Amino acid sequence: MFDISWGNLLVLAVAGLFILGPERLPGAAAWLGRTVRQIRQYASGAQQQLRSELGPEFDELRRPLEDLRSLREFHPRRMVTSQLLGDINDLPREITLTRNGTNGYGAPPAPPVSTPMPAPQRPLLPGERPPFDPDAT
Protein backbone atom coordinates (compact mmCIF):
# COMPACT_ATOMS: atom_id res chain seq x y z
CA MET A 1 0.00 0.00 0.00
CA PHE A 2 2.65 2.54 0.98
CA ASP A 3 5.82 1.05 -0.63
CA ILE A 4 8.10 1.91 2.29
CA SER A 5 11.45 0.14 2.13
CA TRP A 6 13.58 -0.87 5.11
CA GLY A 7 15.97 2.01 4.43
CA ASN A 8 13.14 4.54 4.56
CA LEU A 9 11.85 2.96 7.77
CA LEU A 10 15.30 3.23 9.32
CA VAL A 11 15.56 6.91 8.35
CA LEU A 12 12.13 7.56 9.90
CA ALA A 13 13.14 5.77 13.10
CA VAL A 14 16.37 7.79 13.40
CA ALA A 15 14.47 11.03 12.69
CA GLY A 16 11.88 10.07 15.31
CA LEU A 17 14.65 9.33 17.79
CA PHE A 18 16.15 12.79 17.26
CA ILE A 19 12.79 14.61 17.28
CA LEU A 20 11.05 12.81 20.15
CA GLY A 21 14.03 11.63 22.12
CA PRO A 22 14.66 8.14 23.45
CA GLU A 23 12.23 8.47 26.38
CA ARG A 24 9.14 9.36 24.27
CA LEU A 25 9.85 7.25 21.16
CA PRO A 26 8.41 3.92 22.49
CA GLY A 27 5.17 5.63 23.56
CA ALA A 28 4.82 7.34 20.18
CA ALA A 29 5.41 4.04 18.36
CA ALA A 30 2.77 2.31 20.50
CA TRP A 31 0.29 5.15 19.85
CA LEU A 32 0.95 4.95 16.11
CA GLY A 33 0.41 1.17 16.12
CA ARG A 34 -2.89 1.48 18.02
CA THR A 35 -4.10 4.22 15.67
CA VAL A 36 -3.27 2.25 12.52
CA ARG A 37 -4.98 -0.85 13.94
CA GLN A 38 -8.09 1.19 14.81
CA ILE A 39 -8.23 2.74 11.32
CA ARG A 40 -8.00 -0.73 9.74
CA GLN A 41 -10.85 -1.95 11.96
CA TYR A 42 -13.01 1.02 10.93
CA ALA A 43 -12.28 0.40 7.24
CA SER A 44 -13.03 -3.32 7.41
CA GLY A 45 -16.21 -2.66 9.43
CA ALA A 46 -17.40 -0.12 6.86
CA GLN A 47 -16.69 -2.57 4.03
CA GLN A 48 -18.60 -5.35 5.79
CA GLN A 49 -21.52 -3.01 6.46
CA LEU A 50 -21.61 -1.94 2.81
CA ARG A 51 -21.48 -5.57 1.68
CA SER A 52 -24.35 -6.56 4.00
CA GLU A 53 -26.54 -3.59 2.96
CA LEU A 54 -25.91 -3.77 -0.79
CA GLY A 55 -25.79 -7.54 -1.09
CA PRO A 56 -25.03 -8.73 -4.65
CA GLU A 57 -24.90 -5.14 -5.91
CA PHE A 58 -21.64 -4.69 -3.97
CA ASP A 59 -19.89 -7.16 -6.29
CA GLU A 60 -21.20 -5.24 -9.30
CA LEU A 61 -19.66 -2.07 -7.88
CA ARG A 62 -16.32 -3.79 -7.33
CA ARG A 63 -16.09 -5.18 -10.87
CA PRO A 64 -15.12 -1.83 -12.54
CA LEU A 65 -12.49 -1.28 -9.85
CA GLU A 66 -10.95 -4.65 -10.59
CA ASP A 67 -10.97 -3.83 -14.31
CA LEU A 68 -9.01 -0.67 -13.49
CA ARG A 69 -6.54 -2.70 -11.44
CA SER A 70 -5.97 -4.98 -14.43
CA LEU A 71 -4.78 -1.93 -16.40
CA ARG A 72 -1.70 -1.82 -14.17
CA GLU A 73 -0.33 -4.77 -16.13
CA PHE A 74 -0.96 -3.00 -19.47
CA HIS A 75 2.22 -2.79 -21.57
CA PRO A 76 1.79 -0.71 -24.75
CA ARG A 77 4.80 -2.28 -26.49
CA ARG A 78 3.47 -5.80 -25.91
CA MET A 79 -0.02 -4.79 -27.07
CA VAL A 80 1.22 -3.17 -30.30
CA THR A 81 3.54 -6.09 -31.04
CA SER A 82 0.73 -8.59 -30.55
CA GLN A 83 -1.65 -6.56 -32.72
CA LEU A 84 0.86 -6.11 -35.54
CA LEU A 85 2.61 -9.46 -35.49
CA GLY A 86 0.18 -11.72 -33.68
CA ASP A 87 1.77 -14.15 -31.26
CA ILE A 88 5.52 -13.60 -31.49
CA ASN A 89 6.17 -17.30 -30.75
CA ASP A 90 4.40 -18.32 -33.99
CA LEU A 91 6.73 -16.27 -36.22
CA PRO A 92 9.64 -17.83 -38.11
CA ARG A 93 13.01 -17.39 -36.48
CA GLU A 94 14.24 -14.97 -39.19
CA ILE A 95 11.37 -12.54 -38.54
CA THR A 96 11.39 -12.48 -34.76
CA LEU A 97 12.67 -9.30 -33.23
CA THR A 98 15.86 -9.41 -31.25
CA ARG A 99 16.85 -7.45 -28.18
CA ASN A 100 19.62 -4.99 -28.89
CA GLY A 101 21.46 -3.05 -26.23
CA THR A 102 20.66 0.46 -27.43
CA ASN A 103 16.93 0.99 -27.72
CA GLY A 104 15.05 -2.11 -26.62
CA TYR A 105 13.40 -4.45 -29.09
CA GLY A 106 13.95 -3.89 -32.75
CA ALA A 107 15.73 -5.16 -35.79
CA PRO A 108 19.42 -5.90 -35.36
CA PRO A 109 21.43 -2.71 -35.85
CA ALA A 110 22.77 -2.20 -39.37
CA PRO A 111 26.50 -1.80 -39.81
CA PRO A 112 27.60 1.82 -40.02
CA VAL A 113 27.70 3.20 -43.56
CA SER A 114 30.66 5.34 -44.48
CA THR A 115 29.54 8.47 -46.30
CA PRO A 116 31.98 10.63 -48.19
CA MET A 117 32.85 13.91 -46.52
CA PRO A 118 31.54 16.99 -48.36
CA ALA A 119 34.11 19.22 -49.96
CA PRO A 120 35.22 21.98 -47.59
CA GLN A 121 33.84 25.41 -48.45
CA ARG A 122 36.25 28.19 -49.06
CA PRO A 123 36.16 31.09 -46.59
CA LEU A 124 34.52 34.34 -47.66
CA LEU A 125 36.80 37.05 -48.93
CA PRO A 126 36.73 40.46 -47.21
CA GLY A 127 33.70 42.41 -48.40
CA GLU A 128 32.13 39.36 -50.07
CA ARG A 129 28.47 38.75 -49.24
CA PRO A 130 27.41 35.30 -48.05
CA PRO A 131 25.19 33.26 -50.38
CA PHE A 132 21.48 34.03 -50.02
CA ASP A 133 18.62 31.58 -50.69
CA PRO A 134 15.23 33.36 -50.94
CA ASP A 135 13.33 30.04 -50.69
CA ALA A 136 14.94 29.20 -47.34
CA THR A 137 13.65 32.28 -45.54
C-alpha atoms as a PDB file:
ATOM      1  CA  MET A   1       0.000   0.000   0.000  1.00  0.00           C
ATOM      2  CA  PHE A   2       2.652   2.544   0.977  1.00  0.00           C
ATOM      3  CA  ASP A   3       5.817   1.053  -0.631  1.00  0.00           C
ATOM      4  CA  ILE A   4       8.098   1.910   2.292  1.00  0.00           C
ATOM      5  CA  SER A   5      11.454   0.143   2.133  1.00  0.00           C
ATOM      6  CA  TRP A   6      13.580  -0.866   5.108  1.00  0.00           C
ATOM      7  CA  GLY A   7      15.972   2.010   4.429  1.00  0.00           C
ATOM      8  CA  ASN A   8      13.135   4.543   4.559  1.00  0.00           C
ATOM      9  CA  LEU A   9      11.848   2.963   7.772  1.00  0.00           C
ATOM     10  CA  LEU A  10      15.302   3.231   9.317  1.00  0.00           C
ATOM     11  CA  VAL A  11      15.565   6.910   8.348  1.00  0.00           C
ATOM     12  CA  LEU A  12      12.131   7.559   9.899  1.00  0.00           C
ATOM     13  CA  ALA A  13      13.143   5.770  13.101  1.00  0.00           C
ATOM     14  CA  VAL A  14      16.366   7.792  13.395  1.00  0.00           C
ATOM     15  CA  ALA A  15      14.470  11.031  12.690  1.00  0.00           C
ATOM     16  CA  GLY A  16      11.880  10.071  15.314  1.00  0.00           C
ATOM     17  CA  LEU A  17      14.655   9.332  17.788  1.00  0.00           C
ATOM     18  CA  PHE A  18      16.147  12.793  17.262  1.00  0.00           C
ATOM     19  CA  ILE A  19      12.788  14.610  17.280  1.00  0.00           C
ATOM     20  CA  LEU A  20      11.048  12.812  20.152  1.00  0.00           C
ATOM     21  CA  GLY A  21      14.035  11.628  22.118  1.00  0.00           C
ATOM     22  CA  PRO A  22      14.662   8.136  23.451  1.00  0.00           C
ATOM     23  CA  GLU A  23      12.230   8.469  26.375  1.00  0.00           C
ATOM     24  CA  ARG A  24       9.140   9.360  24.274  1.00  0.00           C
ATOM     25  CA  LEU A  25       9.848   7.254  21.160  1.00  0.00           C
ATOM     26  CA  PRO A  26       8.407   3.923  22.491  1.00  0.00           C
ATOM     27  CA  GLY A  27       5.175   5.630  23.560  1.00  0.00           C
ATOM     28  CA  ALA A  28       4.823   7.344  20.179  1.00  0.00           C
ATOM     29  CA  ALA A  29       5.408   4.039  18.357  1.00  0.00           C
ATOM     30  CA  ALA A  30       2.769   2.308  20.505  1.00  0.00           C
ATOM     31  CA  TRP A  31       0.287   5.145  19.852  1.00  0.00           C
ATOM     32  CA  LEU A  32       0.953   4.945  16.114  1.00  0.00           C
ATOM     33  CA  GLY A  33       0.414   1.166  16.122  1.00  0.00           C
ATOM     34  CA  ARG A  34      -2.890   1.477  18.024  1.00  0.00           C
ATOM     35  CA  THR A  35      -4.098   4.221  15.671  1.00  0.00           C
ATOM     36  CA  VAL A  36      -3.269   2.251  12.524  1.00  0.00           C
ATOM     37  CA  ARG A  37      -4.983  -0.849  13.945  1.00  0.00           C
ATOM     38  CA  GLN A  38      -8.092   1.189  14.809  1.00  0.00           C
ATOM     39  CA  ILE A  39      -8.230   2.739  11.317  1.00  0.00           C
ATOM     40  CA  ARG A  40      -7.998  -0.728   9.742  1.00  0.00           C
ATOM     41  CA  GLN A  41     -10.846  -1.945  11.965  1.00  0.00           C
ATOM     42  CA  TYR A  42     -13.007   1.019  10.933  1.00  0.00           C
ATOM     43  CA  ALA A  43     -12.282   0.400   7.244  1.00  0.00           C
ATOM     44  CA  SER A  44     -13.034  -3.321   7.406  1.00  0.00           C
ATOM     45  CA  GLY A  45     -16.211  -2.660   9.429  1.00  0.00           C
ATOM     46  CA  ALA A  46     -17.402  -0.118   6.860  1.00  0.00           C
ATOM     47  CA  GLN A  47     -16.687  -2.567   4.032  1.00  0.00           C
ATOM     48  CA  GLN A  48     -18.601  -5.355   5.785  1.00  0.00           C
ATOM     49  CA  GLN A  49     -21.518  -3.012   6.463  1.00  0.00           C
ATOM     50  CA  LEU A  50     -21.606  -1.943   2.806  1.00  0.00           C
ATOM     51  CA  ARG A  51     -21.476  -5.571   1.685  1.00  0.00           C
ATOM     52  CA  SER A  52     -24.348  -6.556   4.003  1.00  0.00           C
ATOM     53  CA  GLU A  53     -26.535  -3.593   2.964  1.00  0.00           C
ATOM     54  CA  LEU A  54     -25.911  -3.766  -0.787  1.00  0.00           C
ATOM     55  CA  GLY A  55     -25.791  -7.545  -1.095  1.00  0.00           C
ATOM     56  CA  PRO A  56     -25.026  -8.732  -4.646  1.00  0.00           C
ATOM     57  CA  GLU A  57     -24.898  -5.139  -5.912  1.00  0.00           C
ATOM     58  CA  PHE A  58     -21.640  -4.687  -3.968  1.00  0.00           C
ATOM     59  CA  ASP A  59     -19.891  -7.155  -6.287  1.00  0.00           C
ATOM     60  CA  GLU A  60     -21.199  -5.243  -9.305  1.00  0.00           C
ATOM     61  CA  LEU A  61     -19.661  -2.065  -7.878  1.00  0.00           C
ATOM     62  CA  ARG A  62     -16.323  -3.792  -7.330  1.00  0.00           C
ATOM     63  CA  ARG A  63     -16.093  -5.177 -10.871  1.00  0.00           C
ATOM     64  CA  PRO A  64     -15.122  -1.830 -12.542  1.00  0.00           C
ATOM     65  CA  LEU A  65     -12.486  -1.285  -9.853  1.00  0.00           C
ATOM     66  CA  GLU A  66     -10.948  -4.654 -10.594  1.00  0.00           C
ATOM     67  CA  ASP A  67     -10.970  -3.827 -14.307  1.00  0.00           C
ATOM     68  CA  LEU A  68      -9.007  -0.670 -13.493  1.00  0.00           C
ATOM     69  CA  ARG A  69      -6.538  -2.700 -11.442  1.00  0.00           C
ATOM     70  CA  SER A  70      -5.967  -4.976 -14.430  1.00  0.00           C
ATOM     71  CA  LEU A  71      -4.775  -1.927 -16.401  1.00  0.00           C
ATOM     72  CA  ARG A  72      -1.699  -1.819 -14.166  1.00  0.00           C
ATOM     73  CA  GLU A  73      -0.333  -4.766 -16.132  1.00  0.00           C
ATOM     74  CA  PHE A  74      -0.964  -3.005 -19.474  1.00  0.00           C
ATOM     75  CA  HIS A  75       2.216  -2.792 -21.571  1.00  0.00           C
ATOM     76  CA  PRO A  76       1.794  -0.710 -24.748  1.00  0.00           C
ATOM     77  CA  ARG A  77       4.795  -2.275 -26.490  1.00  0.00           C
ATOM     78  CA  ARG A  78       3.475  -5.796 -25.905  1.00  0.00           C
ATOM     79  CA  MET A  79      -0.018  -4.792 -27.069  1.00  0.00           C
ATOM     80  CA  VAL A  80       1.225  -3.166 -30.296  1.00  0.00           C
ATOM     81  CA  THR A  81       3.536  -6.093 -31.043  1.00  0.00           C
ATOM     82  CA  SER A  82       0.732  -8.594 -30.546  1.00  0.00           C
ATOM     83  CA  GLN A  83      -1.649  -6.557 -32.722  1.00  0.00           C
ATOM     84  CA  LEU A  84       0.862  -6.106 -35.545  1.00  0.00           C
ATOM     85  CA  LEU A  85       2.611  -9.456 -35.495  1.00  0.00           C
ATOM     86  CA  GLY A  86       0.177 -11.721 -33.678  1.00  0.00           C
ATOM     87  CA  ASP A  87       1.766 -14.148 -31.256  1.00  0.00           C
ATOM     88  CA  ILE A  88       5.523 -13.598 -31.491  1.00  0.00           C
ATOM     89  CA  ASN A  89       6.174 -17.298 -30.755  1.00  0.00           C
ATOM     90  CA  ASP A  90       4.396 -18.321 -33.985  1.00  0.00           C
ATOM     91  CA  LEU A  91       6.728 -16.268 -36.215  1.00  0.00           C
ATOM     92  CA  PRO A  92       9.643 -17.835 -38.110  1.00  0.00           C
ATOM     93  CA  ARG A  93      13.015 -17.393 -36.479  1.00  0.00           C
ATOM     94  CA  GLU A  94      14.241 -14.971 -39.185  1.00  0.00           C
ATOM     95  CA  ILE A  95      11.367 -12.540 -38.540  1.00  0.00           C
ATOM     96  CA  THR A  96      11.393 -12.481 -34.757  1.00  0.00           C
ATOM     97  CA  LEU A  97      12.670  -9.297 -33.233  1.00  0.00           C
ATOM     98  CA  THR A  98      15.860  -9.407 -31.253  1.00  0.00           C
ATOM     99  CA  ARG A  99      16.853  -7.454 -28.182  1.00  0.00           C
ATOM    100  CA  ASN A 100      19.623  -4.991 -28.888  1.00  0.00           C
ATOM    101  CA  GLY A 101      21.458  -3.047 -26.228  1.00  0.00           C
ATOM    102  CA  THR A 102      20.663   0.457 -27.430  1.00  0.00           C
ATOM    103  CA  ASN A 103      16.932   0.993 -27.720  1.00  0.00           C
ATOM    104  CA  GLY A 104      15.053  -2.108 -26.624  1.00  0.00           C
ATOM    105  CA  TYR A 105      13.396  -4.452 -29.087  1.00  0.00           C
ATOM    106  CA  GLY A 106      13.947  -3.890 -32.750  1.00  0.00           C
ATOM    107  CA  ALA A 107      15.727  -5.155 -35.792  1.00  0.00           C
ATOM    108  CA  PRO A 108      19.421  -5.899 -35.356  1.00  0.00           C
ATOM    109  CA  PRO A 109      21.429  -2.711 -35.846  1.00  0.00           C
ATOM    110  CA  ALA A 110      22.765  -2.199 -39.371  1.00  0.00           C
ATOM    111  CA  PRO A 111      26.500  -1.799 -39.811  1.00  0.00           C
ATOM    112  CA  PRO A 112      27.602   1.823 -40.024  1.00  0.00           C
ATOM    113  CA  VAL A 113      27.700   3.196 -43.556  1.00  0.00           C
ATOM    114  CA  SER A 114      30.659   5.336 -44.476  1.00  0.00           C
ATOM    115  CA  THR A 115      29.538   8.471 -46.298  1.00  0.00           C
ATOM    116  CA  PRO A 116      31.980  10.632 -48.186  1.00  0.00           C
ATOM    117  CA  MET A 117      32.851  13.911 -46.517  1.00  0.00           C
ATOM    118  CA  PRO A 118      31.536  16.989 -48.360  1.00  0.00           C
ATOM    119  CA  ALA A 119      34.111  19.219 -49.957  1.00  0.00           C
ATOM    120  CA  PRO A 120      35.219  21.980 -47.585  1.00  0.00           C
ATOM    121  CA  GLN A 121      33.844  25.410 -48.450  1.00  0.00           C
ATOM    122  CA  ARG A 122      36.253  28.186 -49.057  1.00  0.00           C
ATOM    123  CA  PRO A 123      36.161  31.090 -46.588  1.00  0.00           C
ATOM    124  CA  LEU A 124      34.519  34.344 -47.660  1.00  0.00           C
ATOM    125  CA  LEU A 125      36.801  37.047 -48.934  1.00  0.00           C
ATOM    126  CA  PRO A 126      36.734  40.455 -47.207  1.00  0.00           C
ATOM    127  CA  GLY A 127      33.703  42.410 -48.401  1.00  0.00           C
ATOM    128  CA  GLU A 128      32.133  39.356 -50.071  1.00  0.00           C
ATOM    129  CA  ARG A 129      28.466  38.751 -49.244  1.00  0.00           C
ATOM    130  CA  PRO A 130      27.411  35.304 -48.053  1.00  0.00           C
ATOM    131  CA  PRO A 131      25.188  33.259 -50.381  1.00  0.00           C
ATOM    132  CA  PHE A 132      21.481  34.034 -50.021  1.00  0.00           C
ATOM    133  CA  ASP A 133      18.624  31.584 -50.693  1.00  0.00           C
ATOM    134  CA  PRO A 134      15.230  33.357 -50.945  1.00  0.00           C
ATOM    135  CA  ASP A 135      13.332  30.037 -50.687  1.00  0.00           C
ATOM    136  CA  ALA A 136      14.939  29.196 -47.341  1.00  0.00           C
ATOM    137  CA  THR A 137      13.647  32.279 -45.538  1.00  0.00           C
END
